[in-house]
Structure formats: structure tokens, C-alpha cells
């Protein structure tokens, strides 16, 4: 578990915070835990969250929706980063979530660099 400060309500700001903790070339999904999902993660981090308790994040609107659905004064904001697991003889590569395609390679890095070019 790592902690980072979110200094923007854009996907680029979230990406910058994530890149302080996770290498960008392995990121496949970014999830934001919402409402009850944040509490469930604290109670049992190994327990799977219901679809209604997290949000796939890949745009500025997704980040703002996640922020509005959270109360950061009461709880910390929880982001889960799903990374690529390469195929080995003992394990197959992790398959993508059926309803959502993987993020494009280096998407998180590109978002972070694009934010740096904005005057936010």
C-alpha cells in the first residue's frame, strides 16, 4: 500500500500521483473505490468489491465523479491500480475485465505529461 497526494481533479493529476508509486508501463486499469467500497477495503482488503462500489477511471469526468462520490474529510480516497501480470510457465497472463478494455500502453504517463502542459 502506498500513499500519494492528489493535487488536481483531472485524470492527469491522478496519473501523476499514481506514477509516484507504480511504473506506468504495467498499469492496465485504474479503479476508484466509492462509498461503501472504501469501508469494505479497510475491513477486508482481500474481499472483492461489488461493481457498484468502484469506478473505472480513464477521463477527467471519471475522476470528478469519484471525488464527488467520496467524502475525503471523513475517509481517505482509495485508488486501486490493476497491473499487467506477464505469462509464466506457472501462471497465465491476467485476462482483461470482460466489459472494459485495458488502458492504452503508457496512457497514465501520457495523461500526467499532458497535465503538466496545462495551466491548472
PDB file of N, CA and C in Angstrom:
ATOM      1  N   UNK A   1       0.844  -1.148   0.000  1.00  0.00           N
ATOM      2  CA  UNK A   1       0.000   0.000   0.000  1.00  0.00           C
ATOM      3  C   UNK A   1       0.904   1.230   0.000  1.00  0.00           C
ATOM      4  N   UNK A   2       0.605   2.175  -0.895  1.00  0.00           N
ATOM      5  CA  UNK A   2       1.337   3.425  -0.975  1.00  0.00           C
ATOM      6  C   UNK A   2       0.371   4.586  -0.837  1.00  0.00           C
ATOM      7  N   UNK A   3       0.886   5.718  -0.455  1.00  0.00           N
ATOM      8  CA  UNK A   3       0.085   6.925  -0.316  1.00  0.00           C
ATOM      9  C   UNK A   3       0.669   7.995  -1.213  1.00  0.00           C
ATOM     10  N   UNK A   4      -0.201   8.780  -1.837  1.00  0.00           N
ATOM     11  CA  UNK A   4       0.236   9.900  -2.662  1.00  0.00           C
ATOM     12  C   UNK A   4      -0.802  11.000  -2.543  1.00  0.00           C
ATOM     13  N   UNK A   5      -0.360  12.219  -2.761  1.00  0.00           N
ATOM     14  CA  UNK A   5      -1.258  13.369  -2.662  1.00  0.00           C
ATOM     15  C   UNK A   5      -1.861  13.676  -4.025  1.00  0.00           C
ATOM     16  N   UNK A   6      -3.174  13.813  -4.060  1.00  0.00           N
ATOM     17  CA  UNK A   6      -3.884  14.188  -5.281  1.00  0.00           C
ATOM     18  C   UNK A   6      -3.978  15.708  -5.298  1.00  0.00           C
ATOM     19  N   UNK A   7      -3.346  16.347  -6.288  1.00  0.00           N
ATOM     20  CA  UNK A   7      -3.301  17.804  -6.319  1.00  0.00           C
ATOM     21  C   UNK A   7      -4.100  18.405  -7.469  1.00  0.00           C
ATOM     22  N   UNK A   8      -4.988  17.613  -8.075  1.00  0.00           N
ATOM     23  CA  UNK A   8      -5.779  18.080  -9.204  1.00  0.00           C
ATOM     24  C   UNK A   8      -7.024  17.214  -9.331  1.00  0.00           C
ATOM     25  N   UNK A   9      -8.061  17.746  -9.914  1.00  0.00           N
ATOM     26  CA  UNK A   9      -9.268  16.956 -10.147  1.00  0.00           C
ATOM     27  C   UNK A   9      -9.340  16.468 -11.591  1.00  0.00           C
ATOM     28  N   UNK A  10      -8.185  16.362 -12.235  1.00  0.00           N
ATOM     29  CA  UNK A  10      -8.076  15.863 -13.605  1.00  0.00           C
ATOM     30  C   UNK A  10      -7.436  14.479 -13.601  1.00  0.00           C
ATOM     31  N   UNK A  11      -7.639  13.738 -14.692  1.00  0.00           N
ATOM     32  CA  UNK A  11      -7.011  12.422 -14.828  1.00  0.00           C
ATOM     33  C   UNK A  11      -5.489  12.567 -14.813  1.00  0.00           C
ATOM     34  N   UNK A  12      -4.969  13.689 -15.297  1.00  0.00           N
ATOM     35  CA  UNK A  12      -3.526  13.913 -15.277  1.00  0.00           C
ATOM     36  C   UNK A  12      -2.977  14.035 -13.868  1.00  0.00           C
ATOM     37  N   UNK A  13      -3.725  14.705 -12.990  1.00  0.00           N
ATOM     38  CA  UNK A  13      -3.286  14.828 -11.596  1.00  0.00           C
ATOM     39  C   UNK A  13      -3.295  13.488 -10.891  1.00  0.00           C
ATOM     40  N   UNK A  14      -4.346  12.703 -11.137  1.00  0.00           N
ATOM     41  CA  UNK A  14      -4.409  11.362 -10.564  1.00  0.00           C
ATOM     42  C   UNK A  14      -3.267  10.509 -11.111  1.00  0.00           C
ATOM     43  N   UNK A  15      -3.009  10.627 -12.400  1.00  0.00           N
ATOM     44  CA  UNK A  15      -1.924   9.860 -13.023  1.00  0.00           C
ATOM     45  C   UNK A  15      -0.579  10.225 -12.427  1.00  0.00           C
ATOM     46  N   UNK A  16      -0.355  11.516 -12.185  1.00  0.00           N
ATOM     47  CA  UNK A  16       0.905  11.943 -11.565  1.00  0.00           C
ATOM     48  C   UNK A  16       1.081  11.322 -10.187  1.00  0.00           C
ATOM     49  N   UNK A  17      -0.006  11.301  -9.405  1.00  0.00           N
ATOM     50  CA  UNK A  17       0.055  10.697  -8.071  1.00  0.00           C
ATOM     51  C   UNK A  17       0.347   9.198  -8.166  1.00  0.00           C
ATOM     52  N   UNK A  18      -0.287   8.524  -9.107  1.00  0.00           N
ATOM     53  CA  UNK A  18      -0.082   7.079  -9.275  1.00  0.00           C
ATOM     54  C   UNK A  18       1.352   6.786  -9.694  1.00  0.00           C
ATOM     55  N   UNK A  19       1.890   7.600 -10.599  1.00  0.00           N
ATOM     56  CA  UNK A  19       3.244   7.350 -11.104  1.00  0.00           C
ATOM     57  C   UNK A  19       4.315   7.493 -10.034  1.00  0.00           C
ATOM     58  N   UNK A  20       3.994   8.138  -8.933  1.00  0.00           N
ATOM     59  CA  UNK A  20       4.954   8.216  -7.824  1.00  0.00           C
ATOM     60  C   UNK A  20       5.107   6.863  -7.132  1.00  0.00           C
ATOM     61  N   UNK A  21       4.142   5.951  -7.376  1.00  0.00           N
ATOM     62  CA  UNK A  21       4.129   4.667  -6.667  1.00  0.00           C
ATOM     63  C   UNK A  21       4.216   3.445  -7.586  1.00  0.00           C
ATOM     64  N   UNK A  22       3.778   3.575  -8.844  1.00  0.00           N
ATOM     65  CA  UNK A  22       3.634   2.416  -9.737  1.00  0.00           C
ATOM     66  C   UNK A  22       4.270   2.727 -11.093  1.00  0.00           C
ATOM     67  N   UNK A  23       5.047   1.808 -11.678  1.00  0.00           N
ATOM     68  CA  UNK A  23       5.592   2.041 -13.018  1.00  0.00           C
ATOM     69  C   UNK A  23       4.475   2.090 -14.063  1.00  0.00           C
ATOM     70  N   UNK A  24       4.523   3.087 -14.940  1.00  0.00           N
ATOM     71  CA  UNK A  24       3.411   3.315 -15.869  1.00  0.00           C
ATOM     72  C   UNK A  24       3.247   2.226 -16.918  1.00  0.00           C
ATOM     73  N   UNK A  25       4.310   1.538 -17.279  1.00  0.00           N
ATOM     74  CA  UNK A  25       4.200   0.571 -18.375  1.00  0.00           C
ATOM     75  C   UNK A  25       3.423  -0.684 -17.996  1.00  0.00           C
ATOM     76  N   UNK A  26       3.126  -0.879 -16.718  1.00  0.00           N
ATOM     77  CA  UNK A  26       2.412  -2.088 -16.328  1.00  0.00           C
ATOM     78  C   UNK A  26       0.947  -1.836 -15.948  1.00  0.00           C
ATOM     79  N   UNK A  27       0.494  -0.588 -15.943  1.00  0.00           N
ATOM     80  CA  UNK A  27      -0.863  -0.265 -15.496  1.00  0.00           C
ATOM     81  C   UNK A  27      -1.885  -0.632 -16.571  1.00  0.00           C
ATOM     82  N   UNK A  28      -2.906  -1.372 -16.160  1.00  0.00           N
ATOM     83  CA  UNK A  28      -3.961  -1.789 -17.085  1.00  0.00           C
ATOM     84  C   UNK A  28      -5.315  -1.154 -16.762  1.00  0.00           C
ATOM     85  N   UNK A  29      -5.615  -0.939 -15.486  1.00  0.00           N
ATOM     86  CA  UNK A  29      -6.861  -0.299 -15.064  1.00  0.00           C
ATOM     87  C   UNK A  29      -6.576   0.591 -13.863  1.00  0.00           C
ATOM     88  N   UNK A  30      -7.393   1.643 -13.723  1.00  0.00           N
ATOM     89  CA  UNK A  30      -7.403   2.447 -12.512  1.00  0.00           C
ATOM     90  C   UNK A  30      -8.836   2.411 -11.991  1.00  0.00           C
ATOM     91  N   UNK A  31      -8.994   1.980 -10.753  1.00  0.00           N
ATOM     92  CA  UNK A  31     -10.304   1.923 -10.106  1.00  0.00           C
ATOM     93  C   UNK A  31     -10.329   2.908  -8.949  1.00  0.00           C
ATOM     94  N   UNK A  32     -11.439   3.574  -8.772  1.00  0.00           N
ATOM     95  CA  UNK A  32     -11.634   4.402  -7.593  1.00  0.00           C
ATOM     96  C   UNK A  32     -12.730   3.791  -6.748  1.00  0.00           C
ATOM     97  N   UNK A  33     -12.413   3.456  -5.510  1.00  0.00           N
ATOM     98  CA  UNK A  33     -13.423   2.899  -4.607  1.00  0.00           C
ATOM     99  C   UNK A  33     -14.368   4.016  -4.184  1.00  0.00           C
ATOM    100  N   UNK A  34     -15.656   3.732  -4.168  1.00  0.00           N
ATOM    101  CA  UNK A  34     -16.660   4.728  -3.815  1.00  0.00           C
ATOM    102  C   UNK A  34     -17.475   4.259  -2.622  1.00  0.00           C
ATOM    103  N   UNK A  35     -17.973   5.212  -1.854  1.00  0.00           N
ATOM    104  CA  UNK A  35     -18.897   4.918  -0.763  1.00  0.00           C
ATOM    105  C   UNK A  35     -18.539   3.723   0.085  1.00  0.00           C
ATOM    106  N   UNK A  36     -19.421   2.749   0.068  1.00  0.00           N
ATOM    107  CA  UNK A  36     -19.257   1.541   0.871  1.00  0.00           C
ATOM    108  C   UNK A  36     -17.996   0.768   0.487  1.00  0.00           C
ATOM    109  N   UNK A  37     -17.563   0.884  -0.758  1.00  0.00           N
ATOM    110  CA  UNK A  37     -16.355   0.191  -1.199  1.00  0.00           C
ATOM    111  C   UNK A  37     -15.123   0.597  -0.419  1.00  0.00           C
ATOM    112  N   UNK A  38     -15.013   1.880  -0.081  1.00  0.00           N
ATOM    113  CA  UNK A  38     -13.865   2.335   0.712  1.00  0.00           C
ATOM    114  C   UNK A  38     -13.854   1.658   2.076  1.00  0.00           C
ATOM    115  N   UNK A  39     -15.023   1.571   2.702  1.00  0.00           N
ATOM    116  CA  UNK A  39     -15.099   0.926   4.022  1.00  0.00           C
ATOM    117  C   UNK A  39     -14.828  -0.571   3.916  1.00  0.00           C
ATOM    118  N   UNK A  40     -15.340  -1.212   2.865  1.00  0.00           N
ATOM    119  CA  UNK A  40     -15.090  -2.644   2.676  1.00  0.00           C
ATOM    120  C   UNK A  40     -13.604  -2.924   2.493  1.00  0.00           C
ATOM    121  N   UNK A  41     -12.911  -2.057   1.757  1.00  0.00           N
ATOM    122  CA  UNK A  41     -11.472  -2.249   1.562  1.00  0.00           C
ATOM    123  C   UNK A  41     -10.721  -2.206   2.882  1.00  0.00           C
ATOM    124  N   UNK A  42     -11.110  -1.301   3.750  1.00  0.00           N
ATOM    125  CA  UNK A  42     -10.438  -1.207   5.048  1.00  0.00           C
ATOM    126  C   UNK A  42     -10.740  -2.405   5.927  1.00  0.00           C
ATOM    127  N   UNK A  43     -11.982  -2.883   5.883  1.00  0.00           N
ATOM    128  CA  UNK A  43     -12.370  -4.027   6.711  1.00  0.00           C
ATOM    129  C   UNK A  43     -11.694  -5.313   6.250  1.00  0.00           C
ATOM    130  N   UNK A  44     -11.662  -5.528   4.925  1.00  0.00           N
ATOM    131  CA  UNK A  44     -11.064  -6.748   4.387  1.00  0.00           C
ATOM    132  C   UNK A  44     -10.550  -6.481   2.974  1.00  0.00           C
ATOM    133  N   UNK A  45      -9.285  -6.103   2.833  1.00  0.00           N
ATOM    134  CA  UNK A  45      -8.741  -5.770   1.513  1.00  0.00           C
ATOM    135  C   UNK A  45      -8.729  -6.940   0.522  1.00  0.00           C
ATOM    136  N   UNK A  46      -8.887  -8.162   1.000  1.00  0.00           N
ATOM    137  CA  UNK A  46      -8.875  -9.307   0.094  1.00  0.00           C
ATOM    138  C   UNK A  46     -10.253  -9.627  -0.453  1.00  0.00           C
ATOM    139  N   UNK A  47     -11.281  -9.030   0.104  1.00  0.00           N
ATOM    140  CA  UNK A  47     -12.663  -9.288  -0.319  1.00  0.00           C
ATOM    141  C   UNK A  47     -12.964  -8.510  -1.603  1.00  0.00           C
ATOM    142  N   UNK A  48     -13.566  -9.164  -2.587  1.00  0.00           N
ATOM    143  CA  UNK A  48     -13.902  -8.498  -3.850  1.00  0.00           C
ATOM    144  C   UNK A  48     -14.994  -7.454  -3.640  1.00  0.00           C
ATOM    145  N   UNK A  49     -14.865  -6.330  -4.337  1.00  0.00           N
ATOM    146  CA  UNK A  49     -15.866  -5.269  -4.255  1.00  0.00           C
ATOM    147  C   UNK A  49     -16.979  -5.511  -5.266  1.00  0.00           C
ATOM    148  N   UNK A  50     -18.186  -5.103  -4.914  1.00  0.00           N
ATOM    149  CA  UNK A  50     -19.295  -5.143  -5.864  1.00  0.00           C
ATOM    150  C   UNK A  50     -19.082  -4.060  -6.912  1.00  0.00           C
ATOM    151  N   UNK A  51     -19.628  -4.264  -8.117  1.00  0.00           N
ATOM    152  CA  UNK A  51     -19.460  -3.293  -9.194  1.00  0.00           C
ATOM    153  C   UNK A  51     -19.945  -1.898  -8.805  1.00  0.00           C
ATOM    154  N   UNK A  52     -20.933  -1.822  -7.940  1.00  0.00           N
ATOM    155  CA  UNK A  52     -21.472  -0.518  -7.538  1.00  0.00           C
ATOM    156  C   UNK A  52     -20.549   0.222  -6.569  1.00  0.00           C
ATOM    157  N   UNK A  53     -19.489  -0.424  -6.106  1.00  0.00           N
ATOM    158  CA  UNK A  53     -18.610   0.186  -5.116  1.00  0.00           C
ATOM    159  C   UNK A  53     -17.263   0.638  -5.673  1.00  0.00           C
ATOM    160  N   UNK A  54     -17.136   0.669  -6.987  1.00  0.00           N
ATOM    161  CA  UNK A  54     -15.925   1.222  -7.592  1.00  0.00           C
ATOM    162  C   UNK A  54     -16.245   1.762  -8.975  1.00  0.00           C
ATOM    163  N   UNK A  55     -15.316   2.540  -9.479  1.00  0.00           N
ATOM    164  CA  UNK A  55     -15.495   3.216 -10.753  1.00  0.00           C
ATOM    165  C   UNK A  55     -14.226   3.054 -11.576  1.00  0.00           C
ATOM    166  N   UNK A  56     -14.370   2.669 -12.839  1.00  0.00           N
ATOM    167  CA  UNK A  56     -13.221   2.637 -13.746  1.00  0.00           C
ATOM    168  C   UNK A  56     -12.886   4.079 -14.095  1.00  0.00           C
ATOM    169  N   UNK A  57     -11.623   4.457 -13.980  1.00  0.00           N
ATOM    170  CA  UNK A  57     -11.253   5.844 -14.250  1.00  0.00           C
ATOM    171  C   UNK A  57     -10.323   5.936 -15.446  1.00  0.00           C
ATOM    172  N   UNK A  58     -10.784   6.726 -16.430  1.00  0.00           N
ATOM    173  CA  UNK A  58      -9.957   6.953 -17.604  1.00  0.00           C
ATOM    174  C   UNK A  58     -10.230   8.310 -18.253  1.00  0.00           C
ATOM    175  N   UNK A  59     -10.879   9.221 -17.504  1.00  0.00           N
ATOM    176  CA  UNK A  59     -11.131  10.564 -18.027  1.00  0.00           C
ATOM    177  C   UNK A  59     -11.258  11.553 -16.864  1.00  0.00           C
ATOM    178  N   UNK A  60     -11.216  12.843 -17.200  1.00  0.00           N
ATOM    179  CA  UNK A  60     -11.409  13.880 -16.188  1.00  0.00           C
ATOM    180  C   UNK A  60     -12.769  13.723 -15.510  1.00  0.00           C
ATOM    181  N   UNK A  61     -13.793  13.399 -16.288  1.00  0.00           N
ATOM    182  CA  UNK A  61     -15.139  13.231 -15.733  1.00  0.00           C
ATOM    183  C   UNK A  61     -15.203  12.084 -14.738  1.00  0.00           C
ATOM    184  N   UNK A  62     -14.495  11.000 -15.021  1.00  0.00           N
ATOM    185  CA  UNK A  62     -14.470   9.861 -14.089  1.00  0.00           C
ATOM    186  C   UNK A  62     -13.836  10.270 -12.759  1.00  0.00           C
ATOM    187  N   UNK A  63     -12.747  11.040 -12.829  1.00  0.00           N
ATOM    188  CA  UNK A  63     -12.071  11.475 -11.603  1.00  0.00           C
ATOM    189  C   UNK A  63     -12.998  12.374 -10.789  1.00  0.00           C
ATOM    190  N   UNK A  64     -13.663  13.309 -11.455  1.00  0.00           N
ATOM    191  CA  UNK A  64     -14.571  14.202 -10.728  1.00  0.00           C
ATOM    192  C   UNK A  64     -15.753  13.438 -10.140  1.00  0.00           C
ATOM    193  N   UNK A  65     -16.296  12.477 -10.861  1.00  0.00           N
ATOM    194  CA  UNK A  65     -17.386  11.647 -10.335  1.00  0.00           C
ATOM    195  C   UNK A  65     -16.931  10.909  -9.087  1.00  0.00           C
ATOM    196  N   UNK A  66     -15.732  10.350  -9.135  1.00  0.00           N
ATOM    197  CA  UNK A  66     -15.168   9.640  -7.984  1.00  0.00           C
ATOM    198  C   UNK A  66     -15.000  10.579  -6.794  1.00  0.00           C
ATOM    199  N   UNK A  67     -14.473  11.779  -7.056  1.00  0.00           N
ATOM    200  CA  UNK A  67     -14.287  12.747  -5.968  1.00  0.00           C
ATOM    201  C   UNK A  67     -15.625  13.179  -5.360  1.00  0.00           C
ATOM    202  N   UNK A  68     -16.627  13.417  -6.205  1.00  0.00           N
ATOM    203  CA  UNK A  68     -17.942  13.831  -5.700  1.00  0.00           C
ATOM    204  C   UNK A  68     -18.641  12.714  -4.933  1.00  0.00           C
ATOM    205  N   UNK A  69     -18.314  11.462  -5.244  1.00  0.00           N
ATOM    206  CA  UNK A  69     -18.954  10.334  -4.555  1.00  0.00           C
ATOM    207  C   UNK A  69     -18.262  10.003  -3.239  1.00  0.00           C
ATOM    208  N   UNK A  70     -17.179  10.717  -2.946  1.00  0.00           N
ATOM    209  CA  UNK A  70     -16.385  10.448  -1.750  1.00  0.00           C
ATOM    210  C   UNK A  70     -16.469  11.625  -0.789  1.00  0.00           C
ATOM    211  N   UNK A  71     -16.188  11.358   0.451  1.00  0.00           N
ATOM    212  CA  UNK A  71     -16.108  12.402   1.463  1.00  0.00           C
ATOM    213  C   UNK A  71     -14.707  12.366   2.062  1.00  0.00           C
ATOM    214  N   UNK A  72     -13.747  13.043   1.405  1.00  0.00           N
ATOM    215  CA  UNK A  72     -12.355  12.939   1.843  1.00  0.00           C
ATOM    216  C   UNK A  72     -12.100  13.462   3.249  1.00  0.00           C
ATOM    217  N   UNK A  73     -12.994  14.288   3.777  1.00  0.00           N
ATOM    218  CA  UNK A  73     -12.804  14.754   5.155  1.00  0.00           C
ATOM    219  C   UNK A  73     -13.015  13.625   6.152  1.00  0.00           C
ATOM    220  N   UNK A  74     -13.842  12.637   5.771  1.00  0.00           N
ATOM    221  CA  UNK A  74     -14.128  11.510   6.662  1.00  0.00           C
ATOM    222  C   UNK A  74     -13.212  10.322   6.403  1.00  0.00           C
ATOM    223  N   UNK A  75     -12.948  10.030   5.150  1.00  0.00           N
ATOM    224  CA  UNK A  75     -12.135   8.874   4.762  1.00  0.00           C
ATOM    225  C   UNK A  75     -11.090   9.312   3.755  1.00  0.00           C
ATOM    226  N   UNK A  76     -10.027   8.528   3.669  1.00  0.00           N
ATOM    227  CA  UNK A  76      -9.073   8.780   2.592  1.00  0.00           C
ATOM    228  C   UNK A  76      -9.694   8.285   1.284  1.00  0.00           C
ATOM    229  N   UNK A  77      -9.158   8.740   0.177  1.00  0.00           N
ATOM    230  CA  UNK A  77      -9.634   8.316  -1.135  1.00  0.00           C
ATOM    231  C   UNK A  77      -8.846   7.083  -1.542  1.00  0.00           C
ATOM    232  N   UNK A  78      -9.543   6.048  -1.953  1.00  0.00           N
ATOM    233  CA  UNK A  78      -8.870   4.797  -2.296  1.00  0.00           C
ATOM    234  C   UNK A  78      -8.861   4.576  -3.799  1.00  0.00           C
ATOM    235  N   UNK A  79      -7.664   4.383  -4.331  1.00  0.00           N
ATOM    236  CA  UNK A  79      -7.470   4.076  -5.743  1.00  0.00           C
ATOM    237  C   UNK A  79      -6.800   2.717  -5.817  1.00  0.00           C
ATOM    238  N   UNK A  80      -7.311   1.881  -6.675  1.00  0.00           N
ATOM    239  CA  UNK A  80      -6.701   0.583  -6.910  1.00  0.00           C
ATOM    240  C   UNK A  80      -6.123   0.607  -8.317  1.00  0.00           C
ATOM    241  N   UNK A  81      -4.917   0.144  -8.458  1.00  0.00           N
ATOM    242  CA  UNK A  81      -4.259   0.113  -9.757  1.00  0.00           C
ATOM    243  C   UNK A  81      -4.031  -1.344 -10.112  1.00  0.00           C
ATOM    244  N   UNK A  82      -4.603  -1.746 -11.224  1.00  0.00           N
ATOM    245  CA  UNK A  82      -4.509  -3.126 -11.696  1.00  0.00           C
ATOM    246  C   UNK A  82      -3.375  -3.176 -12.716  1.00  0.00           C
ATOM    247  N   UNK A  83      -2.374  -3.978 -12.460  1.00  0.00           N
ATOM    248  CA  UNK A  83      -1.197  -4.034 -13.318  1.00  0.00           C
ATOM    249  C   UNK A  83      -1.132  -5.342 -14.102  1.00  0.00           C
ATOM    250  N   UNK A  84      -0.381  -5.296 -15.163  1.00  0.00           N
ATOM    251  CA  UNK A  84      -0.166  -6.450 -16.026  1.00  0.00           C
ATOM    252  C   UNK A  84       0.617  -7.529 -15.302  1.00  0.00           C
ATOM    253  N   UNK A  85       0.159  -8.750 -15.448  1.00  0.00           N
ATOM    254  CA  UNK A  85       0.896  -9.898 -14.924  1.00  0.00           C
ATOM    255  C   UNK A  85       1.371 -10.705 -16.131  1.00  0.00           C
ATOM    256  N   UNK A  86       2.656 -10.703 -16.409  1.00  0.00           N
ATOM    257  CA  UNK A  86       3.132 -11.443 -17.575  1.00  0.00           C
ATOM    258  C   UNK A  86       2.921 -12.951 -17.417  1.00  0.00           C
ATOM    259  N   UNK A  87       2.800 -13.606 -18.543  1.00  0.00           N
ATOM    260  CA  UNK A  87       2.621 -15.047 -18.561  1.00  0.00           C
ATOM    261  C   UNK A  87       3.923 -15.745 -18.177  1.00  0.00           C
ATOM    262  N   UNK A  88       3.807 -16.750 -17.332  1.00  0.00           N
ATOM    263  CA  UNK A  88       4.961 -17.580 -16.952  1.00  0.00           C
ATOM    264  C   UNK A  88       4.516 -19.038 -17.073  1.00  0.00           C
ATOM    265  N   UNK A  89       5.449 -19.974 -16.993  1.00  0.00           N
ATOM    266  CA  UNK A  89       5.041 -21.383 -17.056  1.00  0.00           C
ATOM    267  C   UNK A  89       4.060 -21.755 -15.935  1.00  0.00           C
ATOM    268  N   UNK A  90       4.164 -21.091 -14.786  1.00  0.00           N
ATOM    269  CA  UNK A  90       3.301 -21.430 -13.650  1.00  0.00           C
ATOM    270  C   UNK A  90       1.946 -20.722 -13.702  1.00  0.00           C
ATOM    271  N   UNK A  91       1.872 -19.565 -14.384  1.00  0.00           N
ATOM    272  CA  UNK A  91       0.632 -18.773 -14.404  1.00  0.00           C
ATOM    273  C   UNK A  91       0.413 -18.165 -15.777  1.00  0.00           C
ATOM    274  N   UNK A  92      -0.838 -18.093 -16.167  1.00  0.00           N
ATOM    275  CA  UNK A  92      -1.136 -17.424 -17.432  1.00  0.00           C
ATOM    276  C   UNK A  92      -1.258 -15.922 -17.174  1.00  0.00           C
ATOM    277  N   UNK A  93      -1.147 -15.145 -18.240  1.00  0.00           N
ATOM    278  CA  UNK A  93      -1.292 -13.695 -18.102  1.00  0.00           C
ATOM    279  C   UNK A  93      -2.700 -13.365 -17.623  1.00  0.00           C
ATOM    280  N   UNK A  94      -2.837 -12.281 -16.887  1.00  0.00           N
ATOM    281  CA  UNK A  94      -4.136 -11.879 -16.371  1.00  0.00           C
ATOM    282  C   UNK A  94      -5.030 -11.432 -17.517  1.00  0.00           C
ATOM    283  N   UNK A  95      -6.214 -12.012 -17.638  1.00  0.00           N
ATOM    284  CA  UNK A  95      -7.117 -11.598 -18.727  1.00  0.00           C
ATOM    285  C   UNK A  95      -7.771 -10.252 -18.418  1.00  0.00           C
ATOM    286  N   UNK A  96      -8.180  -9.506 -19.452  1.00  0.00           N
ATOM    287  CA  UNK A  96      -8.852  -8.235 -19.209  1.00  0.00           C
ATOM    288  C   UNK A  96     -10.258  -8.441 -18.638  1.00  0.00           C
ATOM    289  N   UNK A  97     -10.740  -7.419 -17.946  1.00  0.00           N
ATOM    290  CA  UNK A  97     -12.119  -7.388 -17.458  1.00  0.00           C
ATOM    291  C   UNK A  97     -13.022  -7.458 -18.690  1.00  0.00           C
ATOM    292  N   UNK A  98     -14.036  -8.316 -18.713  1.00  0.00           N
ATOM    293  CA  UNK A  98     -14.854  -8.510 -19.918  1.00  0.00           C
ATOM    294  C   UNK A  98     -15.538  -7.248 -20.444  1.00  0.00           C
ATOM    295  N   UNK A  99     -15.887  -6.324 -19.559  1.00  0.00           N
ATOM    296  CA  UNK A  99     -16.641  -5.151 -20.006  1.00  0.00           C
ATOM    297  C   UNK A  99     -15.779  -3.939 -20.305  1.00  0.00           C
ATOM    298  N   UNK A 100     -14.503  -3.971 -19.945  1.00  0.00           N
ATOM    299  CA  UNK A 100     -13.649  -2.805 -20.115  1.00  0.00           C
ATOM    300  C   UNK A 100     -12.322  -3.211 -20.736  1.00  0.00           C
ATOM    301  N   UNK A 101     -11.924  -2.482 -21.768  1.00  0.00           N
ATOM    302  CA  UNK A 101     -10.627  -2.749 -22.383  1.00  0.00           C
ATOM    303  C   UNK A 101      -9.526  -2.183 -21.505  1.00  0.00           C
ATOM    304  N   UNK A 102      -8.348  -2.774 -21.621  1.00  0.00           N
ATOM    305  CA  UNK A 102      -7.184  -2.255 -20.910  1.00  0.00           C
ATOM    306  C   UNK A 102      -6.910  -0.820 -21.339  1.00  0.00           C
ATOM    307  N   UNK A 103      -6.281  -0.058 -20.442  1.00  0.00           N
ATOM    308  CA  UNK A 103      -5.797   1.263 -20.821  1.00  0.00           C
ATOM    309  C   UNK A 103      -4.716   1.088 -21.882  1.00  0.00           C
ATOM    310  N   UNK A 104      -4.589   2.064 -22.753  1.00  0.00           N
ATOM    311  CA  UNK A 104      -3.544   2.009 -23.772  1.00  0.00           C
ATOM    312  C   UNK A 104      -2.173   2.028 -23.094  1.00  0.00           C
ATOM    313  N   UNK A 105      -1.180   1.398 -23.705  1.00  0.00           N
ATOM    314  CA  UNK A 105       0.164   1.440 -23.117  1.00  0.00           C
ATOM    315  C   UNK A 105       0.594   2.890 -22.889  1.00  0.00           C
ATOM    316  N   UNK A 106       1.158   3.161 -21.745  1.00  0.00           N
ATOM    317  CA  UNK A 106       1.646   4.484 -21.355  1.00  0.00           C
ATOM    318  C   UNK A 106       0.549   5.547 -21.258  1.00  0.00           C
ATOM    319  N   UNK A 107      -0.722   5.148 -21.198  1.00  0.00           N
ATOM    320  CA  UNK A 107      -1.815   6.119 -21.066  1.00  0.00           C
ATOM    321  C   UNK A 107      -1.639   6.969 -19.813  1.00  0.00           C
ATOM    322  N   UNK A 108      -1.300   6.348 -18.705  1.00  0.00           N
ATOM    323  CA  UNK A 108      -1.169   7.073 -17.439  1.00  0.00           C
ATOM    324  C   UNK A 108      -0.020   8.074 -17.522  1.00  0.00           C
ATOM    325  N   UNK A 109       1.082   7.669 -18.090  1.00  0.00           N
ATOM    326  CA  UNK A 109       2.220   8.564 -18.266  1.00  0.00           C
ATOM    327  C   UNK A 109       1.853   9.726 -19.193  1.00  0.00           C
ATOM    328  N   UNK A 110       1.152   9.436 -20.274  1.00  0.00           N
ATOM    329  CA  UNK A 110       0.739  10.485 -21.206  1.00  0.00           C
ATOM    330  C   UNK A 110      -0.213  11.476 -20.536  1.00  0.00           C
ATOM    331  N   UNK A 111      -1.156  10.987 -19.733  1.00  0.00           N
ATOM    332  CA  UNK A 111      -2.090  11.882 -19.026  1.00  0.00           C
ATOM    333  C   UNK A 111      -1.331  12.794 -18.069  1.00  0.00           C
ATOM    334  N   UNK A 112      -0.363  12.230 -17.348  1.00  0.00           N
ATOM    335  CA  UNK A 112       0.412  13.025 -16.394  1.00  0.00           C
ATOM    336  C   UNK A 112       1.204  14.118 -17.119  1.00  0.00           C
ATOM    337  N   UNK A 113       1.804  13.787 -18.255  1.00  0.00           N
ATOM    338  CA  UNK A 113       2.582  14.771 -19.008  1.00  0.00           C
ATOM    339  C   UNK A 113       1.677  15.822 -19.636  1.00  0.00           C
ATOM    340  N   UNK A 114       0.477  15.429 -20.077  1.00  0.00           N
ATOM    341  CA  UNK A 114      -0.457  16.391 -20.668  1.00  0.00           C
ATOM    342  C   UNK A 114      -0.905  17.412 -19.627  1.00  0.00           C
ATOM    343  N   UNK A 115      -1.099  16.961 -18.376  1.00  0.00           N
ATOM    344  CA  UNK A 115      -1.498  17.894 -17.318  1.00  0.00           C
ATOM    345  C   UNK A 115      -0.383  18.893 -17.054  1.00  0.00           C
ATOM    346  N   UNK A 116       0.853  18.435 -17.116  1.00  0.00           N
ATOM    347  CA  UNK A 116       1.974  19.333 -16.847  1.00  0.00           C
ATOM    348  C   UNK A 116       2.019  20.468 -17.867  1.00  0.00           C
ATOM    349  N   UNK A 117       1.497  20.217 -19.081  1.00  0.00           N
ATOM    350  CA  UNK A 117       1.450  21.241 -20.114  1.00  0.00           C
ATOM    351  C   UNK A 117       0.293  22.210 -19.969  1.00  0.00           C
ATOM    352  N   UNK A 118      -0.710  21.862 -19.156  1.00  0.00           N
ATOM    353  CA  UNK A 118      -1.859  22.737 -18.917  1.00  0.00           C
ATOM    354  C   UNK A 118      -1.544  23.724 -17.814  1.00  0.00           C
ATOM    355  N   UNK A 119      -2.274  24.786 -17.781  1.00  0.00           N
ATOM    356  CA  UNK A 119      -2.174  25.738 -16.666  1.00  0.00           C
ATOM    357  C   UNK A 119      -3.366  25.511 -15.770  1.00  0.00           C
ATOM    358  N   UNK A 120      -3.258  24.550 -14.832  1.00  0.00           N
ATOM    359  CA  UNK A 120      -4.391  24.160 -13.981  1.00  0.00           C
ATOM    360  C   UNK A 120      -4.191  24.676 -12.584  1.00  0.00           C
TER     361      UNK A 120
END
